[in-house]
Amino acid sequence: MEFDDGHAISYKALPRGTPVRASDGAEVGRVRRVLDNARENIFDGLVVETKAGMRFVDAPEVARIAERGVTLTITAEEVAALAPPQSTLKQRWDQATIVRRTRRAGRDWKRRWNNR
């Protein structure tokens, strides 16, 4: 089943709320956010708002970005099984060593103490 999604566009021009379709033709959700590496100008993936919550769709799983829709290379079942997006701040915190965490907590405590 082929849909008329219009002309292909850059991921940078993809508006929030654009419908997202799985490879089997089922509409699985809407674009919530486009993730990219701005420094290197690389498309990283999409955060898609589905009925089951937010899902992160990695760039290789995106087949086509067009004016009126995004087509994926995976089925609706595979989209439902995707993990929710993670906060980059949380990832950085989890990757930080105990020493760095302690220093951060210490700085925050000192700031609060000095601003009393």
N, C-alpha and C. Protein backbone atom coordinates (compact mmCIF):
# COMPACT_ATOMS: atom_id res chain seq x y z
N MET A 1 0.84 -1.18 0.00
CA MET A 1 0.00 0.00 0.00
C MET A 1 0.89 1.25 0.00
N GLU A 2 0.70 2.10 -0.96
CA GLU A 2 1.54 3.29 -1.13
C GLU A 2 0.75 4.53 -0.73
N PHE A 3 1.37 5.40 0.08
CA PHE A 3 0.73 6.63 0.52
C PHE A 3 1.39 7.81 -0.16
N ASP A 4 0.63 8.85 -0.41
CA ASP A 4 1.18 10.06 -1.01
C ASP A 4 1.61 10.99 0.12
N ASP A 5 2.86 10.88 0.50
CA ASP A 5 3.40 11.70 1.58
C ASP A 5 4.04 12.99 1.07
N GLY A 6 4.05 13.17 -0.24
CA GLY A 6 4.65 14.37 -0.81
C GLY A 6 6.12 14.16 -1.13
N HIS A 7 6.81 15.26 -1.34
CA HIS A 7 8.23 15.22 -1.68
C HIS A 7 9.08 14.93 -0.46
N ALA A 8 10.21 14.30 -0.70
CA ALA A 8 11.16 14.05 0.38
C ALA A 8 11.74 15.36 0.87
N ILE A 9 11.93 15.47 2.20
CA ILE A 9 12.50 16.68 2.80
C ILE A 9 13.63 16.30 3.74
N SER A 10 14.37 17.29 4.17
CA SER A 10 15.44 17.09 5.13
C SER A 10 14.85 16.87 6.52
N TYR A 11 15.56 16.12 7.34
CA TYR A 11 15.12 15.91 8.72
C TYR A 11 15.05 17.23 9.48
N LYS A 12 15.82 18.22 9.04
CA LYS A 12 15.82 19.53 9.71
C LYS A 12 14.51 20.29 9.49
N ALA A 13 13.80 19.95 8.42
CA ALA A 13 12.55 20.64 8.09
C ALA A 13 11.32 19.86 8.55
N LEU A 14 11.52 18.74 9.22
CA LEU A 14 10.41 17.88 9.66
C LEU A 14 9.68 18.52 10.84
N PRO A 15 8.40 18.87 10.66
CA PRO A 15 7.67 19.51 11.77
C PRO A 15 7.15 18.49 12.79
N ARG A 16 6.99 18.97 14.00
CA ARG A 16 6.39 18.17 15.08
C ARG A 16 4.95 17.86 14.70
N GLY A 17 4.51 16.64 15.00
CA GLY A 17 3.14 16.25 14.71
C GLY A 17 2.96 15.55 13.38
N THR A 18 4.02 15.39 12.61
CA THR A 18 3.93 14.69 11.33
C THR A 18 3.63 13.21 11.58
N PRO A 19 2.69 12.62 10.83
CA PRO A 19 2.35 11.21 11.02
C PRO A 19 3.54 10.29 10.70
N VAL A 20 3.64 9.21 11.46
CA VAL A 20 4.70 8.21 11.25
C VAL A 20 4.02 6.88 10.94
N ARG A 21 4.44 6.26 9.82
CA ARG A 21 3.87 4.99 9.40
C ARG A 21 4.93 3.89 9.45
N ALA A 22 4.52 2.72 9.87
CA ALA A 22 5.40 1.56 9.88
C ALA A 22 5.50 1.00 8.46
N SER A 23 6.40 0.05 8.25
CA SER A 23 6.59 -0.52 6.92
C SER A 23 5.37 -1.28 6.43
N ASP A 24 4.52 -1.73 7.36
CA ASP A 24 3.30 -2.44 6.97
C ASP A 24 2.13 -1.50 6.68
N GLY A 25 2.36 -0.19 6.73
CA GLY A 25 1.35 0.80 6.37
C GLY A 25 0.54 1.34 7.53
N ALA A 26 0.67 0.78 8.70
CA ALA A 26 -0.09 1.24 9.86
C ALA A 26 0.51 2.52 10.42
N GLU A 27 -0.37 3.48 10.75
CA GLU A 27 0.11 4.71 11.39
C GLU A 27 0.40 4.38 12.85
N VAL A 28 1.65 4.60 13.28
CA VAL A 28 2.06 4.22 14.63
C VAL A 28 2.15 5.40 15.58
N GLY A 29 2.12 6.60 15.07
CA GLY A 29 2.20 7.77 15.94
C GLY A 29 2.54 9.03 15.19
N ARG A 30 3.01 10.01 15.95
CA ARG A 30 3.37 11.31 15.39
C ARG A 30 4.75 11.72 15.88
N VAL A 31 5.45 12.50 15.06
CA VAL A 31 6.78 12.96 15.42
C VAL A 31 6.68 13.91 16.61
N ARG A 32 7.44 13.63 17.64
CA ARG A 32 7.50 14.51 18.80
C ARG A 32 8.76 15.37 18.76
N ARG A 33 9.89 14.71 18.37
CA ARG A 33 11.16 15.43 18.34
C ARG A 33 12.11 14.76 17.36
N VAL A 34 12.94 15.57 16.71
CA VAL A 34 13.99 15.08 15.82
C VAL A 34 15.30 15.19 16.57
N LEU A 35 16.06 14.10 16.60
CA LEU A 35 17.35 14.10 17.28
C LEU A 35 18.46 14.10 16.25
N ASP A 36 19.45 14.96 16.47
CA ASP A 36 20.58 15.01 15.55
C ASP A 36 21.84 15.40 16.29
N ASN A 37 22.96 15.21 15.63
CA ASN A 37 24.24 15.66 16.12
C ASN A 37 24.54 16.93 15.33
N ALA A 38 24.21 18.07 15.90
CA ALA A 38 24.30 19.34 15.18
C ALA A 38 25.73 19.67 14.76
N ARG A 39 26.68 19.31 15.59
CA ARG A 39 28.08 19.63 15.28
C ARG A 39 28.54 18.92 14.01
N GLU A 40 28.13 17.67 13.84
CA GLU A 40 28.56 16.89 12.68
C GLU A 40 27.49 16.80 11.60
N ASN A 41 26.33 17.43 11.82
CA ASN A 41 25.25 17.47 10.85
C ASN A 41 24.77 16.05 10.48
N ILE A 42 24.49 15.25 11.52
CA ILE A 42 24.09 13.86 11.33
C ILE A 42 22.73 13.63 11.98
N PHE A 43 21.82 13.00 11.23
CA PHE A 43 20.50 12.62 11.74
C PHE A 43 20.66 11.42 12.66
N ASP A 44 20.13 11.53 13.89
CA ASP A 44 20.31 10.48 14.89
C ASP A 44 19.05 9.63 15.08
N GLY A 45 17.88 10.20 14.88
CA GLY A 45 16.65 9.45 15.04
C GLY A 45 15.48 10.34 15.39
N LEU A 46 14.37 9.71 15.74
CA LEU A 46 13.13 10.43 16.06
C LEU A 46 12.57 9.95 17.39
N VAL A 47 11.92 10.85 18.09
CA VAL A 47 11.09 10.48 19.22
C VAL A 47 9.66 10.54 18.70
N VAL A 48 8.98 9.39 18.76
CA VAL A 48 7.63 9.27 18.21
C VAL A 48 6.65 9.11 19.36
N GLU A 49 5.58 9.89 19.31
CA GLU A 49 4.52 9.80 20.31
C GLU A 49 3.50 8.76 19.84
N THR A 50 3.44 7.63 20.54
CA THR A 50 2.51 6.55 20.18
C THR A 50 1.43 6.46 21.26
N LYS A 51 0.46 5.59 21.03
CA LYS A 51 -0.59 5.38 22.03
C LYS A 51 -0.02 4.77 23.31
N ALA A 52 1.08 4.04 23.18
CA ALA A 52 1.71 3.39 24.33
C ALA A 52 2.75 4.27 24.99
N GLY A 53 2.93 5.49 24.52
CA GLY A 53 3.92 6.40 25.07
C GLY A 53 4.99 6.76 24.05
N MET A 54 5.99 7.47 24.50
CA MET A 54 7.08 7.90 23.62
C MET A 54 7.97 6.71 23.27
N ARG A 55 8.44 6.68 22.01
CA ARG A 55 9.35 5.65 21.55
C ARG A 55 10.48 6.31 20.76
N PHE A 56 11.70 5.79 20.93
CA PHE A 56 12.85 6.28 20.17
C PHE A 56 13.04 5.40 18.95
N VAL A 57 13.02 6.03 17.77
CA VAL A 57 13.25 5.33 16.51
C VAL A 57 14.62 5.76 16.00
N ASP A 58 15.55 4.83 15.92
CA ASP A 58 16.91 5.11 15.48
C ASP A 58 16.94 5.44 13.98
N ALA A 59 17.91 6.22 13.56
CA ALA A 59 18.01 6.69 12.18
C ALA A 59 17.96 5.57 11.13
N PRO A 60 18.66 4.44 11.31
CA PRO A 60 18.58 3.38 10.29
C PRO A 60 17.19 2.79 10.12
N GLU A 61 16.31 3.00 11.07
CA GLU A 61 14.95 2.47 10.98
C GLU A 61 13.99 3.43 10.29
N VAL A 62 14.49 4.59 9.85
CA VAL A 62 13.69 5.57 9.13
C VAL A 62 13.99 5.42 7.64
N ALA A 63 12.97 5.01 6.88
CA ALA A 63 13.16 4.78 5.44
C ALA A 63 13.05 6.07 4.65
N ARG A 64 12.06 6.92 5.00
CA ARG A 64 11.80 8.12 4.19
C ARG A 64 11.17 9.21 5.06
N ILE A 65 11.66 10.42 4.87
CA ILE A 65 11.08 11.60 5.52
C ILE A 65 10.51 12.47 4.42
N ALA A 66 9.21 12.72 4.48
CA ALA A 66 8.53 13.49 3.44
C ALA A 66 7.71 14.62 4.07
N GLU A 67 7.12 15.43 3.20
CA GLU A 67 6.35 16.60 3.65
C GLU A 67 5.20 16.23 4.57
N ARG A 68 4.49 15.15 4.25
CA ARG A 68 3.28 14.81 5.01
C ARG A 68 3.38 13.48 5.75
N GLY A 69 4.57 12.95 5.90
CA GLY A 69 4.68 11.70 6.64
C GLY A 69 6.08 11.13 6.67
N VAL A 70 6.30 10.27 7.64
CA VAL A 70 7.57 9.56 7.80
C VAL A 70 7.26 8.08 7.66
N THR A 71 8.07 7.38 6.87
CA THR A 71 7.91 5.94 6.69
C THR A 71 9.09 5.24 7.33
N LEU A 72 8.79 4.18 8.10
CA LEU A 72 9.83 3.43 8.79
C LEU A 72 10.13 2.12 8.05
N THR A 73 11.25 1.51 8.40
CA THR A 73 11.62 0.21 7.82
C THR A 73 11.17 -0.94 8.71
N ILE A 74 10.53 -0.64 9.83
CA ILE A 74 10.10 -1.68 10.78
C ILE A 74 8.58 -1.71 10.87
N THR A 75 8.04 -2.81 11.35
CA THR A 75 6.58 -2.99 11.44
C THR A 75 6.03 -2.31 12.69
N ALA A 76 4.71 -2.24 12.76
CA ALA A 76 4.04 -1.63 13.91
C ALA A 76 4.34 -2.40 15.20
N GLU A 77 4.43 -3.72 15.12
CA GLU A 77 4.77 -4.53 16.30
C GLU A 77 6.18 -4.19 16.81
N GLU A 78 7.11 -4.01 15.88
CA GLU A 78 8.48 -3.67 16.26
C GLU A 78 8.56 -2.28 16.87
N VAL A 79 7.73 -1.37 16.39
CA VAL A 79 7.69 -0.02 16.97
C VAL A 79 7.20 -0.09 18.41
N ALA A 80 6.16 -0.89 18.65
CA ALA A 80 5.61 -1.04 20.00
C ALA A 80 6.65 -1.61 20.96
N ALA A 81 7.58 -2.40 20.44
CA ALA A 81 8.60 -3.03 21.29
C ALA A 81 9.81 -2.13 21.53
N LEU A 82 9.87 -0.98 20.86
CA LEU A 82 11.01 -0.08 21.04
C LEU A 82 11.03 0.51 22.45
N ALA A 83 12.22 0.89 22.86
CA ALA A 83 12.39 1.49 24.19
C ALA A 83 12.00 2.96 24.17
N PRO A 84 11.54 3.47 25.30
CA PRO A 84 11.27 4.91 25.38
C PRO A 84 12.59 5.69 25.33
N PRO A 85 12.54 6.94 24.90
CA PRO A 85 13.77 7.73 24.83
C PRO A 85 14.32 8.00 26.22
N GLN A 86 15.65 8.13 26.30
CA GLN A 86 16.29 8.44 27.57
C GLN A 86 16.79 9.87 27.53
N SER A 87 16.77 10.50 28.66
CA SER A 87 17.27 11.85 28.79
C SER A 87 18.79 11.84 28.65
N THR A 88 19.34 12.76 27.87
CA THR A 88 20.80 12.82 27.73
C THR A 88 21.44 13.24 29.04
N LEU A 89 20.76 14.05 29.82
CA LEU A 89 21.30 14.45 31.12
C LEU A 89 21.41 13.24 32.04
N LYS A 90 20.39 12.38 32.04
CA LYS A 90 20.43 11.16 32.84
C LYS A 90 21.54 10.24 32.38
N GLN A 91 21.73 10.11 31.06
CA GLN A 91 22.80 9.27 30.54
C GLN A 91 24.16 9.78 31.00
N ARG A 92 24.36 11.09 30.93
CA ARG A 92 25.64 11.64 31.36
C ARG A 92 25.86 11.42 32.85
N TRP A 93 24.81 11.55 33.63
CA TRP A 93 24.91 11.34 35.07
C TRP A 93 25.27 9.88 35.36
N ASP A 94 24.62 8.94 34.67
CA ASP A 94 24.89 7.52 34.88
C ASP A 94 26.31 7.15 34.47
N GLN A 95 26.87 7.84 33.47
CA GLN A 95 28.21 7.54 33.00
C GLN A 95 29.29 8.22 33.84
N ALA A 96 28.90 9.19 34.63
CA ALA A 96 29.88 9.91 35.44
C ALA A 96 30.41 9.00 36.55
N THR A 97 31.65 9.22 36.90
CA THR A 97 32.25 8.44 37.98
C THR A 97 31.74 8.95 39.32
N ILE A 98 31.94 8.16 40.36
CA ILE A 98 31.52 8.54 41.72
C ILE A 98 32.21 9.84 42.15
N VAL A 99 33.47 9.99 41.80
CA VAL A 99 34.22 11.19 42.19
C VAL A 99 33.58 12.42 41.57
N ARG A 100 33.24 12.34 40.28
CA ARG A 100 32.63 13.49 39.63
C ARG A 100 31.26 13.78 40.22
N ARG A 101 30.51 12.75 40.55
CA ARG A 101 29.20 12.96 41.17
C ARG A 101 29.34 13.65 42.51
N THR A 102 30.31 13.22 43.29
CA THR A 102 30.55 13.80 44.60
C THR A 102 30.94 15.26 44.46
N ARG A 103 31.80 15.55 43.51
CA ARG A 103 32.21 16.95 43.29
C ARG A 103 31.01 17.80 42.91
N ARG A 104 30.16 17.26 42.02
CA ARG A 104 28.97 18.02 41.62
C ARG A 104 28.08 18.28 42.83
N ALA A 105 27.84 17.25 43.61
CA ALA A 105 26.99 17.40 44.79
C ALA A 105 27.62 18.39 45.77
N GLY A 106 28.93 18.33 45.93
CA GLY A 106 29.63 19.25 46.82
C GLY A 106 29.52 20.69 46.36
N ARG A 107 29.65 20.91 45.06
CA ARG A 107 29.52 22.27 44.52
C ARG A 107 28.12 22.81 44.78
N ASP A 108 27.13 21.95 44.54
CA ASP A 108 25.75 22.38 44.76
C ASP A 108 25.52 22.72 46.23
N TRP A 109 26.06 21.91 47.12
CA TRP A 109 25.89 22.15 48.55
C TRP A 109 26.56 23.45 48.94
N LYS A 110 27.77 23.71 48.42
CA LYS A 110 28.47 24.95 48.73
C LYS A 110 27.70 26.16 48.23
N ARG A 111 27.15 26.05 47.02
CA ARG A 111 26.36 27.17 46.49
C ARG A 111 25.16 27.47 47.37
N ARG A 112 24.45 26.43 47.78
CA ARG A 112 23.29 26.62 48.64
C ARG A 112 23.69 27.22 49.99
N TRP A 113 24.80 26.74 50.55
CA TRP A 113 25.27 27.22 51.85
C TRP A 113 25.66 28.69 51.78
N ASN A 114 26.37 29.09 50.72
CA ASN A 114 26.85 30.45 50.57
C ASN A 114 25.73 31.44 50.23
N ASN A 115 24.65 30.95 49.66
CA ASN A 115 23.54 31.83 49.24
C ASN A 115 22.47 31.96 50.32
N ARG A 116 22.76 31.50 51.54
CA ARG A 116 21.77 31.59 52.61
C ARG A 116 21.65 32.98 53.14
